[in-house]
Amino acid sequence: MPSQAQLDYIGTLRAQLYKDAIAKLPPNVLNDPAAAETLAQQIEAQLQTIMPSSNGSGPADGGLSNLIGLGSSAPADLGSTQVSLGVENYDETLAADRIAATADLYYLCLHELLGIWQVMDKLQELFRAGTLRIWNGAGALGLYRFDKHNILRYQRQERGRAYRRVFNYTRVEPGPGARPNAEFHGLFVHFIGETAKFWRDKRISEVIRQNATDPTFGSIAIVRDAGLQSRNNLKNATYGYVNVMRTETSQALEEAFAVLSAPDLRAQFGAESAWDVVELVMWQYFHRAVHASRMNRMAVAGRKIIRWLAEPYVLETNRAAFEAQLSQIAEAAEEWISSEEGLRISRPTPPARNVYARGPSPSGSRRDPVFARSRGRMPADPVVG
C-alpha cells in the first residue's frame, strides 16, 4: 500500500511526463483528440509499472499499528502513513455465463409470449382428437414425440416464474422468497436507446463536420453507465434453475419448429412456413392476430444485445476501442427500437384464410390471467392462453 507521500510523488511525476511529452509533439498532432488519448494511455501504462501494489506488499495488520503510533517505525505525520488503493471493482466481478443465460431466456420469453407453446398444445390436442388429417408423416411423428418429451420438461408455470423473476414479464408469482425484477425493462430500454442515440449522433457529426478532428458528438460515458446498470441488474436475477431451463426450453423450441415445418402439418393449413402455421393456428383457434415478425426480430436483437453485455466490452474506457466494440450491436439496437415502436402503434393483421375453425368469437375470447402482461412493461399486450 502506498503512502500519501508516494501518491504525491507519482502525481508530480505524471504531470512532468505529460509536460515533457507534449513539448516534443508538433501542434497539429495535439489538435487530434485520438493522438492525445493515445499519449495519455501510454503514460498511464508506464506509471502502472512503478505504482505500489496493494496485494501482499504491506504489513500483516495493514499499517494500523504504525498509524496509531505503535512500534519503532511509526510515522511522524499522516502524510507518511500507508493508504489503501481500494478493493476490487464491482463491475469487474460479473459472471458472464449468467448474463449469457439471460440472453437466451429473453429470446425464449418473447417466443412464449408470441404463443409458440399455445400452438403446440393446440396441435397436440387436435392430433389426439383425430381432427388433423395426418397419420404417418414427419408432422405426426413429431407431435407424438413432442408430447412424450414434454412430460420431462419444465412446465408452463415454472417457465412463467423464471420470466417474472428475471424480466417481470408475466403475472406468475416468482416463487417463495423471490421477487419480480421490476427494474429490468426500464434499464434495458434505456441502454438500447442510448446506444442508438450514440450512433445516430455519430452519423450526423460525420456528415456536418467532415473536416473536424473529433467527428463524434456522443458520450461513451453515458452509454457505458447505461450498460453497466442494465447488466448489474441482471447479475443477481439469474440464479437457480434459469440456466438449465433455458437450455432445455431452447431445445424444445427447436423441436417445435421442426414439427411446425413438417410438410404434412403445413398442408393442413395451406401454410408455406412454420411461422404461417403459428399465425393461422393463433387466429383460427384463439382469435388472436400476433406480431410474429416484430416479436421475433425483438427476440433476436434483444438476445444479441444482452450477450454483448455479458462480455467485458462495456468496461472499455478507450473511446476508439469502445466504439469499435459497440458497433456490434448498433444495428440490433435500431432494429429492437423499430420493432418495439411497431408493436405500440399498430395492430397485427390476421392471416388470410377463407375457412375458419369453429371456436369462440373474438368478443368472447378470454385473456389469460397468468401470462397476461401488465400495462406499461411492454408496448403491445401479448397474451398467452
Protein backbone atom coordinates (compact mmCIF):
# COMPACT_ATOMS: atom_id res chain seq x y z
CA MET A 1 0.00 0.00 0.00
CA PRO A 2 1.41 3.44 -0.86
CA SER A 3 1.75 6.37 1.50
CA GLN A 4 0.39 9.82 0.73
CA ALA A 5 3.95 10.96 0.08
CA GLN A 6 4.31 8.25 -2.58
CA LEU A 7 1.00 9.23 -4.16
CA ASP A 8 2.10 12.86 -4.25
CA TYR A 9 5.36 11.85 -5.91
CA ILE A 10 3.52 9.83 -8.56
CA GLY A 11 1.22 12.80 -9.22
CA THR A 12 4.19 15.11 -9.71
CA LEU A 13 5.86 12.54 -11.98
CA ARG A 14 2.66 12.19 -14.04
CA ALA A 15 2.46 15.96 -14.56
CA GLN A 16 6.12 16.12 -15.63
CA LEU A 17 5.74 13.23 -18.07
CA TYR A 18 2.74 14.91 -19.71
CA LYS A 19 4.61 18.21 -19.93
CA ASP A 20 7.72 16.65 -21.49
CA ALA A 21 5.71 14.54 -23.96
CA ILE A 22 3.54 17.45 -25.11
CA ALA A 23 6.59 19.66 -25.61
CA LYS A 24 8.03 17.15 -28.09
CA LEU A 25 4.88 16.84 -30.23
CA PRO A 26 4.04 19.17 -33.14
CA PRO A 27 0.90 21.36 -32.73
CA ASN A 28 -1.06 19.59 -35.49
CA VAL A 29 -0.80 16.28 -33.62
CA LEU A 30 -2.02 17.80 -30.35
CA ASN A 31 -5.19 19.00 -32.09
CA ASP A 32 -6.19 15.40 -32.75
CA PRO A 33 -8.10 14.01 -29.73
CA ALA A 34 -7.20 10.47 -30.73
CA ALA A 35 -3.48 11.28 -30.52
CA ALA A 36 -3.91 12.92 -27.12
CA GLU A 37 -5.81 9.89 -25.83
CA THR A 38 -3.15 7.52 -27.11
CA LEU A 39 -0.46 9.59 -25.41
CA ALA A 40 -2.34 9.53 -22.12
CA GLN A 41 -2.73 5.76 -22.27
CA GLN A 42 0.99 5.24 -22.90
CA ILE A 43 1.93 7.45 -19.95
CA GLU A 44 -0.53 5.71 -17.63
CA ALA A 45 0.80 2.30 -18.72
CA GLN A 46 4.32 3.39 -17.75
CA LEU A 47 3.13 4.69 -14.38
CA GLN A 48 1.40 1.39 -13.59
CA THR A 49 4.81 -0.31 -13.61
CA ILE A 50 6.01 1.81 -10.68
CA MET A 51 2.74 2.09 -8.75
CA PRO A 52 2.93 0.34 -5.36
CA SER A 53 0.88 -2.82 -5.21
CA SER A 54 -1.85 -3.36 -2.60
CA ASN A 55 -1.59 -7.16 -2.72
CA GLY A 56 0.69 -8.66 -0.07
CA SER A 57 3.20 -5.76 -0.01
CA GLY A 58 2.16 -4.24 3.33
CA PRO A 59 2.35 -5.38 6.94
CA ALA A 60 0.01 -8.03 8.26
CA ASP A 61 -2.13 -5.51 10.14
CA GLY A 62 -2.45 -3.23 7.10
CA GLY A 63 -0.39 -0.48 8.75
CA LEU A 64 -2.79 0.08 11.67
CA SER A 65 -0.09 -0.23 14.37
CA ASN A 66 2.08 2.35 12.65
CA LEU A 67 -0.90 4.68 12.26
CA ILE A 68 -1.73 4.66 15.99
CA GLY A 69 1.95 5.02 16.96
CA LEU A 70 2.95 1.50 17.99
CA GLY A 71 6.41 0.23 17.07
CA SER A 72 9.72 1.84 16.14
CA SER A 73 8.68 2.57 12.55
CA ALA A 74 5.68 4.73 13.42
CA PRO A 75 5.44 7.72 11.01
CA ALA A 76 5.89 11.25 12.30
CA ASP A 77 2.99 12.67 10.27
CA LEU A 78 -0.14 11.43 8.49
CA GLY A 79 1.40 12.01 5.07
CA SER A 80 3.82 9.14 5.66
CA THR A 81 1.19 6.58 6.63
CA GLN A 82 0.07 3.90 4.21
CA VAL A 83 -3.10 4.47 2.19
CA SER A 84 -5.20 1.64 0.75
CA LEU A 85 -5.70 1.61 -3.02
CA GLY A 86 -9.22 0.23 -2.57
CA VAL A 87 -10.92 -3.09 -3.19
CA GLU A 88 -11.78 -4.96 -6.35
CA ASN A 89 -14.14 -3.02 -8.62
CA TYR A 90 -17.77 -4.16 -8.51
CA ASP A 91 -18.21 -4.15 -12.29
CA GLU A 92 -15.25 -6.48 -12.80
CA THR A 93 -16.71 -9.31 -10.71
CA LEU A 94 -19.58 -10.18 -13.02
CA ALA A 95 -20.05 -13.79 -14.13
CA ALA A 96 -20.51 -13.64 -17.91
CA ASP A 97 -22.16 -17.04 -18.20
CA ARG A 98 -25.15 -15.89 -16.10
CA ILE A 99 -25.77 -12.89 -18.34
CA ALA A 100 -25.41 -15.09 -21.45
CA ALA A 101 -28.04 -17.43 -20.00
CA THR A 102 -30.31 -14.41 -19.54
CA ALA A 103 -29.91 -13.54 -23.22
CA ASP A 104 -31.25 -16.94 -24.26
CA LEU A 105 -34.03 -16.71 -21.67
CA TYR A 106 -35.10 -13.35 -23.13
CA TYR A 107 -35.27 -14.94 -26.58
CA LEU A 108 -37.40 -17.80 -25.25
CA CYS A 109 -39.65 -15.48 -23.24
CA LEU A 110 -40.66 -13.40 -26.27
CA HIS A 111 -41.44 -16.53 -28.27
CA GLU A 112 -43.55 -17.80 -25.39
CA LEU A 113 -45.45 -14.51 -25.27
CA LEU A 114 -45.87 -14.84 -29.02
CA GLY A 115 -47.78 -18.09 -28.50
CA ILE A 116 -45.48 -20.86 -29.74
CA TRP A 117 -46.36 -23.25 -26.91
CA GLN A 118 -50.07 -22.46 -27.23
CA VAL A 119 -49.86 -23.52 -30.86
CA MET A 120 -48.07 -26.74 -29.99
CA ASP A 121 -50.59 -27.59 -27.26
CA LYS A 122 -53.50 -26.98 -29.62
CA LEU A 123 -51.94 -29.10 -32.39
CA GLN A 124 -51.38 -31.97 -29.96
CA GLU A 125 -54.98 -31.68 -28.83
CA LEU A 126 -56.22 -31.80 -32.43
CA PHE A 127 -53.86 -34.68 -33.21
CA ARG A 128 -55.15 -36.75 -30.31
CA ALA A 129 -58.75 -35.97 -31.28
CA GLY A 130 -58.15 -37.04 -34.89
CA THR A 131 -59.07 -33.60 -36.23
CA LEU A 132 -55.78 -33.21 -38.03
CA ARG A 133 -55.78 -35.45 -41.10
CA ILE A 134 -52.19 -36.63 -40.66
CA TRP A 135 -51.09 -40.13 -39.65
CA ASN A 136 -47.69 -41.23 -40.99
CA GLY A 137 -45.63 -38.15 -41.84
CA ALA A 138 -42.98 -36.10 -40.12
CA GLY A 139 -45.61 -33.92 -38.50
CA ALA A 140 -47.49 -36.86 -36.96
CA LEU A 141 -44.31 -38.42 -35.60
CA GLY A 142 -43.06 -35.03 -34.38
CA LEU A 143 -46.29 -34.28 -32.48
CA TYR A 144 -46.18 -37.71 -30.85
CA ARG A 145 -42.56 -37.32 -29.74
CA PHE A 146 -43.07 -33.73 -28.63
CA ASP A 147 -45.94 -34.82 -26.42
CA LYS A 148 -43.87 -37.59 -24.81
CA HIS A 149 -40.84 -35.36 -24.29
CA ASN A 150 -42.99 -32.60 -22.81
CA ILE A 151 -43.57 -34.69 -19.67
CA LEU A 152 -39.86 -34.35 -18.79
CA ARG A 153 -39.58 -30.62 -19.43
CA TYR A 154 -40.20 -27.56 -17.27
CA GLN A 155 -43.87 -26.74 -17.47
CA ARG A 156 -45.65 -23.50 -18.20
CA GLN A 157 -45.92 -22.34 -14.59
CA GLU A 158 -42.22 -22.90 -13.96
CA ARG A 159 -41.24 -21.04 -17.12
CA GLY A 160 -43.53 -18.18 -16.14
CA ARG A 161 -41.87 -17.94 -12.73
CA ALA A 162 -38.46 -17.58 -14.36
CA TYR A 163 -39.69 -14.87 -16.74
CA ARG A 164 -41.26 -12.96 -13.86
CA ARG A 165 -38.21 -13.23 -11.64
CA VAL A 166 -35.72 -12.19 -14.33
CA PHE A 167 -37.74 -9.82 -16.55
CA ASN A 168 -41.03 -9.14 -14.71
CA TYR A 169 -42.79 -10.11 -17.96
CA THR A 170 -45.68 -12.26 -16.65
CA ARG A 171 -48.08 -12.26 -13.74
CA VAL A 172 -46.94 -15.58 -12.34
CA GLU A 173 -45.77 -15.46 -8.74
CA PRO A 174 -41.94 -15.65 -8.82
CA GLY A 175 -41.81 -18.30 -6.10
CA PRO A 176 -41.20 -18.44 -2.34
CA GLY A 177 -38.71 -15.80 -1.25
CA ALA A 178 -38.23 -14.43 -4.77
CA ARG A 179 -39.29 -11.07 -6.16
CA PRO A 180 -40.00 -9.78 -9.67
CA ASN A 181 -37.20 -7.86 -11.36
CA ALA A 182 -39.24 -4.71 -11.88
CA GLU A 183 -36.22 -2.62 -12.91
CA PHE A 184 -35.10 -4.75 -15.86
CA HIS A 185 -37.25 -3.42 -18.68
CA GLY A 186 -36.64 0.26 -17.94
CA LEU A 187 -32.87 -0.19 -17.68
CA PHE A 188 -32.76 -2.38 -20.79
CA VAL A 189 -34.74 0.13 -22.87
CA HIS A 190 -32.53 2.94 -21.54
CA PHE A 191 -29.34 1.18 -22.66
CA ILE A 192 -30.75 0.37 -26.10
CA GLY A 193 -31.92 3.97 -26.51
CA GLU A 194 -28.55 5.42 -25.52
CA THR A 195 -26.74 3.03 -27.87
CA ALA A 196 -28.95 4.01 -30.79
CA LYS A 197 -28.65 7.72 -29.92
CA PHE A 198 -24.86 7.46 -29.77
CA TRP A 199 -24.65 6.06 -33.29
CA ARG A 200 -27.22 8.49 -34.67
CA ASP A 201 -25.17 11.39 -33.29
CA LYS A 202 -22.04 9.85 -34.75
CA ARG A 203 -23.57 9.58 -38.22
CA ILE A 204 -24.83 13.16 -38.08
CA SER A 205 -21.48 14.52 -36.91
CA GLU A 206 -19.64 12.68 -39.68
CA VAL A 207 -21.86 14.43 -42.23
CA ILE A 208 -21.87 18.00 -40.93
CA ARG A 209 -18.29 18.01 -39.54
CA GLN A 210 -16.37 16.23 -42.26
CA ASN A 211 -13.11 18.15 -41.66
CA ALA A 212 -13.27 18.08 -37.87
CA THR A 213 -10.64 16.17 -35.94
CA ASP A 214 -13.26 14.85 -33.49
CA PRO A 215 -16.31 13.88 -35.58
CA THR A 216 -18.34 12.41 -32.72
CA PHE A 217 -20.90 14.21 -30.55
CA GLY A 218 -21.92 11.27 -28.36
CA SER A 219 -20.54 10.48 -24.92
CA ILE A 220 -19.31 6.94 -24.29
CA ALA A 221 -19.65 7.54 -20.54
CA ILE A 222 -23.45 7.70 -20.82
CA VAL A 223 -23.61 4.50 -22.88
CA ARG A 224 -21.19 2.70 -20.56
CA ASP A 225 -23.15 3.71 -17.47
CA ALA A 226 -26.44 2.57 -19.02
CA GLY A 227 -24.87 -0.75 -19.97
CA LEU A 228 -23.36 -1.29 -16.53
CA GLN A 229 -26.68 -0.56 -14.83
CA SER A 230 -28.52 -2.99 -17.09
CA ARG A 231 -26.11 -5.89 -16.70
CA ASN A 232 -25.68 -5.34 -12.95
CA ASN A 233 -29.46 -5.50 -12.66
CA LEU A 234 -29.38 -8.95 -14.28
CA LYS A 235 -26.45 -10.12 -12.20
CA ASN A 236 -28.48 -11.34 -9.24
CA ALA A 237 -31.61 -12.41 -11.13
CA THR A 238 -30.26 -15.49 -12.88
CA TYR A 239 -29.55 -17.90 -10.05
CA GLY A 240 -31.43 -21.15 -9.62
CA TYR A 241 -32.76 -23.23 -12.50
CA VAL A 242 -32.62 -20.45 -15.11
CA ASN A 243 -29.52 -21.87 -16.80
CA VAL A 244 -30.77 -25.44 -17.15
CA MET A 245 -34.28 -24.26 -18.05
CA ARG A 246 -33.09 -22.08 -20.91
CA THR A 247 -31.02 -24.98 -22.29
CA GLU A 248 -33.93 -27.39 -22.06
CA THR A 249 -36.51 -24.94 -23.42
CA SER A 250 -34.29 -23.85 -26.31
CA GLN A 251 -34.03 -27.50 -27.36
CA ALA A 252 -37.82 -27.77 -27.11
CA LEU A 253 -38.25 -24.62 -29.24
CA GLU A 254 -36.04 -26.07 -31.96
CA GLU A 255 -38.01 -29.33 -31.83
CA ALA A 256 -41.29 -27.40 -32.03
CA PHE A 257 -40.26 -25.58 -35.19
CA ALA A 258 -39.14 -28.86 -36.75
CA VAL A 259 -42.69 -30.13 -36.17
CA LEU A 260 -44.30 -26.93 -37.46
CA SER A 261 -42.16 -27.12 -40.61
CA ALA A 262 -43.27 -30.69 -41.43
CA PRO A 263 -44.89 -30.84 -44.91
CA ASP A 264 -47.91 -32.91 -43.81
CA LEU A 265 -48.69 -30.46 -41.00
CA ARG A 266 -48.25 -27.36 -43.15
CA ALA A 267 -50.56 -28.89 -45.76
CA GLN A 268 -53.38 -28.96 -43.20
CA PHE A 269 -53.35 -25.16 -43.04
CA GLY A 270 -52.15 -24.29 -46.51
CA ALA A 271 -49.06 -22.75 -44.91
CA GLU A 272 -45.73 -22.11 -46.59
CA SER A 273 -43.63 -21.99 -43.43
CA ALA A 274 -43.68 -22.76 -39.72
CA TRP A 275 -44.45 -19.11 -38.97
CA ASP A 276 -47.52 -19.29 -41.19
CA VAL A 277 -48.74 -22.24 -39.14
CA VAL A 278 -48.26 -20.26 -35.93
CA GLU A 279 -50.20 -17.27 -37.25
CA LEU A 280 -53.03 -19.40 -38.66
CA VAL A 281 -53.48 -21.52 -35.53
CA MET A 282 -53.42 -18.48 -33.24
CA TRP A 283 -56.09 -16.77 -35.32
CA GLN A 284 -58.32 -19.78 -36.03
CA TYR A 285 -58.39 -21.26 -32.53
CA PHE A 286 -57.57 -18.31 -30.26
CA HIS A 287 -58.81 -15.42 -32.42
CA ARG A 288 -55.62 -13.55 -31.78
CA ALA A 289 -53.59 -12.00 -34.58
CA VAL A 290 -49.96 -11.97 -33.46
CA HIS A 291 -46.98 -9.72 -34.18
CA ALA A 292 -44.91 -12.72 -35.25
CA SER A 293 -42.38 -10.88 -37.39
CA ARG A 294 -41.82 -7.98 -34.99
CA MET A 295 -41.60 -10.06 -31.83
CA ASN A 296 -39.22 -12.50 -33.47
CA ARG A 297 -36.95 -9.61 -34.50
CA MET A 298 -37.13 -8.17 -30.99
CA ALA A 299 -36.17 -11.56 -29.58
CA VAL A 300 -33.18 -11.90 -31.90
CA ALA A 301 -31.98 -8.33 -31.41
CA GLY A 302 -32.54 -8.41 -27.64
CA ARG A 303 -30.60 -11.65 -27.28
CA LYS A 304 -27.67 -10.18 -29.22
CA ILE A 305 -27.65 -7.04 -27.06
CA ILE A 306 -27.72 -8.95 -23.77
CA ARG A 307 -24.98 -11.27 -25.00
CA TRP A 308 -22.90 -8.16 -25.73
CA LEU A 309 -23.43 -7.01 -22.15
CA ALA A 310 -22.12 -10.37 -20.92
CA GLU A 311 -18.69 -9.60 -22.39
CA PRO A 312 -16.20 -7.10 -20.88
CA TYR A 313 -16.78 -4.62 -23.74
CA VAL A 314 -18.71 -2.20 -21.54
CA LEU A 315 -15.68 -1.84 -19.23
CA GLU A 316 -13.56 -0.39 -22.06
CA THR A 317 -12.63 3.26 -21.44
CA ASN A 318 -10.73 3.92 -24.66
CA ARG A 319 -13.09 5.77 -26.97
CA ALA A 320 -11.91 4.23 -30.24
CA ALA A 321 -11.91 0.69 -28.84
CA PHE A 322 -15.32 1.17 -27.21
CA GLU A 323 -16.86 2.49 -30.43
CA ALA A 324 -15.48 -0.46 -32.38
CA GLN A 325 -16.96 -2.93 -29.90
CA LEU A 326 -20.26 -1.06 -29.59
CA SER A 327 -20.69 -1.20 -33.37
CA GLN A 328 -21.51 -4.91 -32.97
CA ILE A 329 -24.95 -4.03 -31.57
CA ALA A 330 -25.61 -0.69 -33.28
CA GLU A 331 -27.98 -2.14 -35.87
CA ALA A 332 -29.52 -4.55 -33.35
CA ALA A 333 -30.44 -1.59 -31.11
CA GLU A 334 -32.10 0.25 -34.00
CA GLU A 335 -33.94 -2.91 -35.04
CA TRP A 336 -35.22 -3.51 -31.50
CA ILE A 337 -36.46 0.07 -31.22
CA SER A 338 -38.16 -0.10 -34.63
CA SER A 339 -39.91 -3.36 -33.75
CA GLU A 340 -40.95 -2.04 -30.34
CA GLU A 341 -42.45 1.10 -31.90
CA GLY A 342 -44.25 -1.05 -34.47
CA LEU A 343 -45.81 -3.08 -31.66
CA ARG A 344 -47.09 0.06 -29.98
CA ILE A 345 -48.55 1.91 -32.95
CA SER A 346 -50.11 -0.89 -34.99
CA ARG A 347 -52.37 -3.89 -34.63
CA PRO A 348 -51.33 -7.19 -36.24
CA THR A 349 -53.09 -8.22 -39.43
CA PRO A 350 -54.94 -11.57 -39.28
CA PRO A 351 -53.61 -14.12 -41.77
CA ALA A 352 -55.63 -14.59 -44.97
CA ARG A 353 -57.87 -17.63 -44.68
CA ASN A 354 -61.27 -18.43 -46.21
CA VAL A 355 -62.26 -21.25 -43.87
CA TYR A 356 -62.05 -20.75 -40.12
CA ALA A 357 -62.18 -23.41 -37.46
CA ARG A 358 -65.10 -23.33 -35.10
CA GLY A 359 -64.25 -21.65 -31.83
CA PRO A 360 -65.14 -18.79 -29.51
CA SER A 361 -65.87 -15.42 -31.04
CA PRO A 362 -63.25 -12.69 -30.67
CA SER A 363 -65.54 -10.81 -28.30
CA GLY A 364 -65.89 -13.89 -26.14
CA SER A 365 -62.23 -14.88 -26.03
CA ARG A 366 -60.63 -14.69 -22.61
CA ARG A 367 -57.35 -13.24 -21.54
CA ASP A 368 -55.02 -15.48 -19.63
CA PRO A 369 -54.65 -14.10 -16.08
CA VAL A 370 -51.30 -15.88 -15.70
CA PHE A 371 -49.39 -14.83 -18.79
CA ALA A 372 -51.18 -11.53 -19.46
CA ARG A 373 -48.82 -8.58 -19.45
CA SER A 374 -49.49 -5.64 -17.16
CA ARG A 375 -49.69 -2.31 -18.91
CA GLY A 376 -46.51 -0.28 -19.28
CA ARG A 377 -43.93 -3.07 -19.31
CA MET A 378 -44.19 -3.98 -22.99
CA PRO A 379 -45.57 -1.92 -25.88
CA ALA A 380 -48.15 -4.36 -27.15
CA ASP A 381 -50.01 -6.63 -24.75
CA PRO A 382 -49.00 -10.15 -25.76
CA VAL A 383 -51.32 -12.59 -24.04
CA VAL A 384 -50.81 -16.32 -23.89
CA GLY A 385 -53.63 -18.77 -23.47
